Structure formats: structure tokens, C-alpha cells
Amino acid sequence: MAKITVRQNGPLLVEGDDVTLADAAGAELPVERRPFALCRCGASENKPFCDGSHNRIGFDGSS
């Protein structure tokens, strides 16, 4: 079973081995490690994955 946790002022943390990540065209994206984090702030240089940029830009996830 997959679990997605919204981290306060941070990424979406995706846990579980039965998760497939696909792009907008439906092509599967490789996931190199589990769990993985998906960018929520839009500033990651490694989209759709989080690279910690939310800390650098002071992302506020409350809105």
C-alpha cells in the first residue's frame, strides 16, 4: 500500500513499494530510491523530485 504525506512547508513524501510514478504523457519515471519526495514548491532543479529548494526559498505550504 502507498502512503503520501504532505510535509509542512516541504515536499510530498511517497512511501511504499507498489507506487508507479508517471509523467503527464503517461510514461513511467524511474524511482531510484524509496521512499521518495515530490517537489511541492516548484523550485526544484530535479523536478518532479524534491531537492530541498523549499528550504532555500522559504516555501510556505499553508496556502
C-alpha atoms as a PDB file:
ATOM      1  CA  MET A   1       0.000   0.000   0.000  1.00  0.00           C
ATOM      2  CA  ALA A   2       1.205   3.514  -0.799  1.00  0.00           C
ATOM      3  CA  LYS A   3       1.228   6.368   1.668  1.00  0.00           C
ATOM      4  CA  ILE A   4       1.625  10.040   0.676  1.00  0.00           C
ATOM      5  CA  THR A   5       2.382  12.529   3.429  1.00  0.00           C
ATOM      6  CA  VAL A   6       2.202  16.298   2.930  1.00  0.00           C
ATOM      7  CA  ARG A   7       5.201  17.676   4.818  1.00  0.00           C
ATOM      8  CA  GLN A   8       4.701  21.088   6.405  1.00  0.00           C
ATOM      9  CA  ASN A   9       6.431  23.663   4.182  1.00  0.00           C
ATOM     10  CA  GLY A  10       8.070  20.813   2.296  1.00  0.00           C
ATOM     11  CA  PRO A  11       7.549  18.079  -0.276  1.00  0.00           C
ATOM     12  CA  LEU A  12       5.105  15.232  -0.672  1.00  0.00           C
ATOM     13  CA  LEU A  13       6.720  12.149   0.868  1.00  0.00           C
ATOM     14  CA  VAL A  14       5.760   8.986  -1.031  1.00  0.00           C
ATOM     15  CA  GLU A  15       6.210   5.665   0.753  1.00  0.00           C
ATOM     16  CA  GLY A  16       5.511   2.155  -0.485  1.00  0.00           C
ATOM     17  CA  ASP A  17       6.896  -0.305  -2.996  1.00  0.00           C
ATOM     18  CA  ASP A  18       3.728  -0.510  -5.082  1.00  0.00           C
ATOM     19  CA  VAL A  19       3.890   3.071  -6.399  1.00  0.00           C
ATOM     20  CA  THR A  20       4.415   3.918 -10.060  1.00  0.00           C
ATOM     21  CA  LEU A  21       5.366   7.477 -10.984  1.00  0.00           C
ATOM     22  CA  ALA A  22       4.356   8.691 -14.448  1.00  0.00           C
ATOM     23  CA  ASP A  23       4.796  11.961 -16.333  1.00  0.00           C
ATOM     24  CA  ALA A  24       1.990  13.950 -17.977  1.00  0.00           C
ATOM     25  CA  ALA A  25       2.179  11.754 -21.089  1.00  0.00           C
ATOM     26  CA  GLY A  26       1.866   8.586 -19.021  1.00  0.00           C
ATOM     27  CA  ALA A  27       5.480   7.492 -19.402  1.00  0.00           C
ATOM     28  CA  GLU A  28       6.849   5.810 -16.290  1.00  0.00           C
ATOM     29  CA  LEU A  29       9.590   7.731 -14.487  1.00  0.00           C
ATOM     30  CA  PRO A  30      12.358   5.771 -12.781  1.00  0.00           C
ATOM     31  CA  VAL A  31      12.414   5.995  -8.993  1.00  0.00           C
ATOM     32  CA  GLU A  32      15.906   5.239  -7.735  1.00  0.00           C
ATOM     33  CA  ARG A  33      15.136   5.007  -4.024  1.00  0.00           C
ATOM     34  CA  ARG A  34      12.230   4.588  -1.653  1.00  0.00           C
ATOM     35  CA  PRO A  35      10.692   6.498  -0.006  1.00  0.00           C
ATOM     36  CA  PHE A  36      10.916   9.476  -2.362  1.00  0.00           C
ATOM     37  CA  ALA A  37       9.844  13.099  -2.141  1.00  0.00           C
ATOM     38  CA  LEU A  38       7.994  15.074  -4.805  1.00  0.00           C
ATOM     39  CA  CYS A  39       8.504  18.828  -5.124  1.00  0.00           C
ATOM     40  CA  ARG A  40       5.611  20.987  -3.994  1.00  0.00           C
ATOM     41  CA  CYS A  41       7.288  24.409  -4.112  1.00  0.00           C
ATOM     42  CA  GLY A  42       8.159  24.471  -7.833  1.00  0.00           C
ATOM     43  CA  ALA A  43      11.802  25.459  -7.300  1.00  0.00           C
ATOM     44  CA  SER A  44      13.488  22.036  -7.531  1.00  0.00           C
ATOM     45  CA  GLU A  45      16.192  21.611 -10.160  1.00  0.00           C
ATOM     46  CA  ASN A  46      15.294  17.904 -10.254  1.00  0.00           C
ATOM     47  CA  LYS A  47      11.514  18.045 -10.866  1.00  0.00           C
ATOM     48  CA  PRO A  48       9.337  16.231 -10.117  1.00  0.00           C
ATOM     49  CA  PHE A  49      11.606  15.182  -7.250  1.00  0.00           C
ATOM     50  CA  CYS A  50      12.410  17.403  -4.281  1.00  0.00           C
ATOM     51  CA  ASP A  51      15.983  18.670  -3.971  1.00  0.00           C
ATOM     52  CA  GLY A  52      15.489  20.722  -0.787  1.00  0.00           C
ATOM     53  CA  SER A  53      14.921  24.022  -2.609  1.00  0.00           C
ATOM     54  CA  HIS A  54      11.881  24.690  -0.404  1.00  0.00           C
ATOM     55  CA  ASN A  55      14.313  25.472   2.428  1.00  0.00           C
ATOM     56  CA  ARG A  56      16.324  27.897   0.313  1.00  0.00           C
ATOM     57  CA  ILE A  57      13.294  29.845  -0.925  1.00  0.00           C
ATOM     58  CA  GLY A  58      11.331  29.816   2.344  1.00  0.00           C
ATOM     59  CA  PHE A  59       8.367  27.892   0.894  1.00  0.00           C
ATOM     60  CA  ASP A  60       5.143  28.315   2.861  1.00  0.00           C
ATOM     61  CA  GLY A  61       2.891  25.348   2.267  1.00  0.00           C
ATOM     62  CA  SER A  62      -0.040  26.723   4.247  1.00  0.00           C
ATOM     63  CA  SER A  63      -1.699  28.463   1.298  1.00  0.00           C
END
